[in-house]
Amino acid sequence: MTFICGYLHPIHEQGKMQPLKEGEDYYLNEQGLMVFTAKYHLKRGYCCQSGCRHCPYGFKKKQAEQRNKSA
């Protein structure tokens, strides 16, 4: 399976790893790629700075790349 987000981390609840739930934590796009939802990212608890499509933390990979080029 291919992932849009570069960092797959299982969700931990009450000290146990929880399986990902299709439709809640991710969905498959038209190309069959796994796309993580904002809900998944919030449960994970931090931004991976990969420019994920549904990043709830506001990270935009293209903007970061442009800042790095101009620095």
N, C-alpha and C. Protein backbone atom coordinates (compact mmCIF):
# COMPACT_ATOMS: atom_id res chain seq x y z
N MET A 1 0.85 -1.18 0.00
CA MET A 1 0.00 0.00 0.00
C MET A 1 0.89 1.24 0.00
N THR A 2 0.52 2.26 -0.72
CA THR A 2 1.29 3.49 -0.81
C THR A 2 0.60 4.57 0.02
N PHE A 3 1.41 5.40 0.68
CA PHE A 3 0.88 6.43 1.56
C PHE A 3 1.17 7.81 1.01
N ILE A 4 0.22 8.73 1.13
CA ILE A 4 0.44 10.12 0.76
C ILE A 4 1.34 10.77 1.81
N CYS A 5 1.02 10.60 3.06
CA CYS A 5 1.83 11.13 4.15
C CYS A 5 3.04 10.21 4.33
N GLY A 6 4.21 10.77 4.49
CA GLY A 6 5.42 9.97 4.58
C GLY A 6 5.63 9.27 5.90
N TYR A 7 4.85 9.58 6.90
CA TYR A 7 5.10 9.04 8.23
C TYR A 7 3.85 8.35 8.78
N LEU A 8 3.82 7.04 8.72
CA LEU A 8 2.70 6.27 9.26
C LEU A 8 3.02 5.90 10.69
N HIS A 9 2.20 6.36 11.60
CA HIS A 9 2.37 6.04 13.01
C HIS A 9 1.06 5.49 13.54
N PRO A 10 1.10 4.33 14.18
CA PRO A 10 -0.13 3.80 14.75
C PRO A 10 -0.66 4.72 15.85
N ILE A 11 -1.94 4.70 16.02
CA ILE A 11 -2.58 5.50 17.05
C ILE A 11 -2.54 4.72 18.36
N HIS A 12 -2.11 5.37 19.42
CA HIS A 12 -2.05 4.73 20.73
C HIS A 12 -3.16 5.29 21.61
N GLU A 13 -3.96 4.41 22.14
CA GLU A 13 -5.01 4.80 23.08
C GLU A 13 -4.92 3.88 24.28
N GLN A 14 -4.82 4.46 25.45
CA GLN A 14 -4.74 3.70 26.69
C GLN A 14 -3.60 2.68 26.64
N GLY A 15 -2.45 3.11 26.05
CA GLY A 15 -1.27 2.26 26.01
C GLY A 15 -1.30 1.15 24.98
N LYS A 16 -2.35 1.07 24.17
CA LYS A 16 -2.46 0.02 23.16
C LYS A 16 -2.49 0.63 21.77
N MET A 17 -1.84 -0.04 20.82
CA MET A 17 -1.91 0.41 19.44
C MET A 17 -3.30 0.09 18.89
N GLN A 18 -3.87 1.05 18.22
CA GLN A 18 -5.20 0.88 17.63
C GLN A 18 -5.07 0.77 16.12
N PRO A 19 -5.79 -0.12 15.48
CA PRO A 19 -5.73 -0.22 14.02
C PRO A 19 -6.33 1.02 13.37
N LEU A 20 -5.83 1.37 12.21
CA LEU A 20 -6.40 2.48 11.46
C LEU A 20 -7.77 2.08 10.92
N LYS A 21 -8.68 3.05 10.92
CA LYS A 21 -10.04 2.79 10.45
C LYS A 21 -10.27 3.53 9.13
N GLU A 22 -10.56 2.75 8.08
CA GLU A 22 -10.83 3.37 6.78
C GLU A 22 -12.07 4.25 6.89
N GLY A 23 -12.01 5.42 6.31
CA GLY A 23 -13.11 6.37 6.35
C GLY A 23 -13.03 7.31 7.54
N GLU A 24 -12.30 6.93 8.56
CA GLU A 24 -12.13 7.79 9.74
C GLU A 24 -10.69 8.30 9.81
N ASP A 25 -9.72 7.39 9.72
CA ASP A 25 -8.31 7.76 9.81
C ASP A 25 -7.70 7.99 8.43
N TYR A 26 -8.25 7.37 7.42
CA TYR A 26 -7.72 7.49 6.06
C TYR A 26 -8.79 7.13 5.04
N TYR A 27 -8.50 7.46 3.80
CA TYR A 27 -9.32 6.99 2.68
C TYR A 27 -8.37 6.74 1.51
N LEU A 28 -8.85 6.03 0.52
CA LEU A 28 -8.07 5.77 -0.68
C LEU A 28 -8.51 6.73 -1.77
N ASN A 29 -7.54 7.42 -2.38
CA ASN A 29 -7.90 8.37 -3.43
C ASN A 29 -8.09 7.66 -4.77
N GLU A 30 -8.30 8.42 -5.83
CA GLU A 30 -8.58 7.86 -7.15
C GLU A 30 -7.46 6.96 -7.66
N GLN A 31 -6.22 7.23 -7.23
CA GLN A 31 -5.08 6.44 -7.66
C GLN A 31 -4.81 5.24 -6.74
N GLY A 32 -5.66 5.07 -5.73
CA GLY A 32 -5.48 3.98 -4.79
C GLY A 32 -4.48 4.27 -3.69
N LEU A 33 -4.09 5.54 -3.54
CA LEU A 33 -3.15 5.92 -2.49
C LEU A 33 -3.89 6.21 -1.20
N MET A 34 -3.27 5.86 -0.08
CA MET A 34 -3.86 6.11 1.23
C MET A 34 -3.62 7.57 1.61
N VAL A 35 -4.71 8.26 1.95
CA VAL A 35 -4.64 9.67 2.33
C VAL A 35 -5.15 9.77 3.77
N PHE A 36 -4.31 10.29 4.66
CA PHE A 36 -4.71 10.42 6.06
C PHE A 36 -5.62 11.62 6.26
N THR A 37 -6.60 11.47 7.14
CA THR A 37 -7.54 12.54 7.44
C THR A 37 -6.98 13.46 8.52
N ALA A 38 -7.58 14.64 8.65
CA ALA A 38 -7.18 15.56 9.71
C ALA A 38 -7.39 14.90 11.08
N LYS A 39 -8.44 14.11 11.20
CA LYS A 39 -8.71 13.42 12.47
C LYS A 39 -7.55 12.50 12.85
N TYR A 40 -7.01 11.77 11.86
CA TYR A 40 -5.85 10.91 12.12
C TYR A 40 -4.67 11.73 12.61
N HIS A 41 -4.39 12.84 11.92
CA HIS A 41 -3.24 13.67 12.29
C HIS A 41 -3.40 14.22 13.70
N LEU A 42 -4.61 14.62 14.06
CA LEU A 42 -4.84 15.13 15.41
C LEU A 42 -4.66 14.04 16.45
N LYS A 43 -5.11 12.81 16.15
CA LYS A 43 -4.92 11.70 17.09
C LYS A 43 -3.44 11.38 17.24
N ARG A 44 -2.67 11.50 16.13
CA ARG A 44 -1.23 11.24 16.18
C ARG A 44 -0.55 12.26 17.07
N GLY A 45 -0.99 13.51 17.01
CA GLY A 45 -0.55 14.51 17.96
C GLY A 45 0.56 15.45 17.54
N TYR A 46 1.04 15.38 16.32
CA TYR A 46 2.07 16.32 15.88
C TYR A 46 2.12 16.36 14.35
N CYS A 47 2.78 17.40 13.84
CA CYS A 47 2.93 17.56 12.40
C CYS A 47 4.22 16.89 11.95
N CYS A 48 4.15 16.10 10.89
CA CYS A 48 5.33 15.41 10.35
C CYS A 48 6.05 16.28 9.31
N GLN A 49 5.48 17.42 8.95
CA GLN A 49 6.04 18.37 7.99
C GLN A 49 6.30 17.75 6.62
N SER A 50 5.41 16.85 6.21
CA SER A 50 5.49 16.24 4.89
C SER A 50 4.56 16.91 3.89
N GLY A 51 3.79 17.89 4.34
CA GLY A 51 2.85 18.56 3.45
C GLY A 51 1.61 17.74 3.19
N CYS A 52 1.13 17.04 4.18
CA CYS A 52 -0.05 16.18 4.04
C CYS A 52 -1.26 16.99 3.58
N ARG A 53 -2.08 16.37 2.76
CA ARG A 53 -3.25 17.03 2.17
C ARG A 53 -4.19 17.59 3.23
N HIS A 54 -4.40 16.88 4.32
CA HIS A 54 -5.36 17.31 5.34
C HIS A 54 -4.68 17.71 6.65
N CYS A 55 -3.52 18.34 6.55
CA CYS A 55 -2.76 18.73 7.75
C CYS A 55 -3.56 19.75 8.58
N PRO A 56 -3.91 19.39 9.82
CA PRO A 56 -4.66 20.32 10.66
C PRO A 56 -3.74 21.32 11.36
N TYR A 57 -2.43 21.19 11.17
CA TYR A 57 -1.46 22.04 11.84
C TYR A 57 -1.04 23.22 10.98
N GLY A 58 -1.54 23.30 9.75
CA GLY A 58 -1.28 24.44 8.89
C GLY A 58 0.04 24.39 8.13
N PHE A 59 0.75 23.25 8.17
CA PHE A 59 2.02 23.15 7.46
C PHE A 59 1.76 23.03 5.96
N LYS A 60 2.45 23.85 5.20
CA LYS A 60 2.36 23.81 3.74
C LYS A 60 3.77 23.57 3.20
N LYS A 61 4.01 22.42 2.61
CA LYS A 61 5.34 22.04 2.15
C LYS A 61 5.89 23.03 1.13
N LYS A 62 5.08 23.46 0.17
CA LYS A 62 5.56 24.38 -0.85
C LYS A 62 6.00 25.71 -0.25
N GLN A 63 5.25 26.22 0.73
CA GLN A 63 5.63 27.46 1.39
C GLN A 63 6.94 27.29 2.15
N ALA A 64 7.14 26.16 2.80
CA ALA A 64 8.36 25.91 3.54
C ALA A 64 9.55 25.82 2.60
N GLU A 65 9.36 25.16 1.44
CA GLU A 65 10.43 25.05 0.46
C GLU A 65 10.82 26.42 -0.07
N GLN A 66 9.84 27.28 -0.32
CA GLN A 66 10.12 28.62 -0.82
C GLN A 66 10.87 29.45 0.23
N ARG A 67 10.51 29.32 1.51
CA ARG A 67 11.22 30.02 2.59
C ARG A 67 12.68 29.56 2.65
N ASN A 68 12.90 28.24 2.52
CA ASN A 68 14.26 27.71 2.59
C ASN A 68 15.11 28.18 1.42
N LYS A 69 14.52 28.32 0.23
CA LYS A 69 15.26 28.80 -0.94
C LYS A 69 15.67 30.24 -0.80
N SER A 70 14.81 31.05 -0.17
CA SER A 70 15.10 32.48 -0.05
C SER A 70 16.00 32.80 1.14
N ALA A 71 16.23 31.83 1.99
CA ALA A 71 17.06 32.05 3.20
C ALA A 71 18.55 31.99 2.90
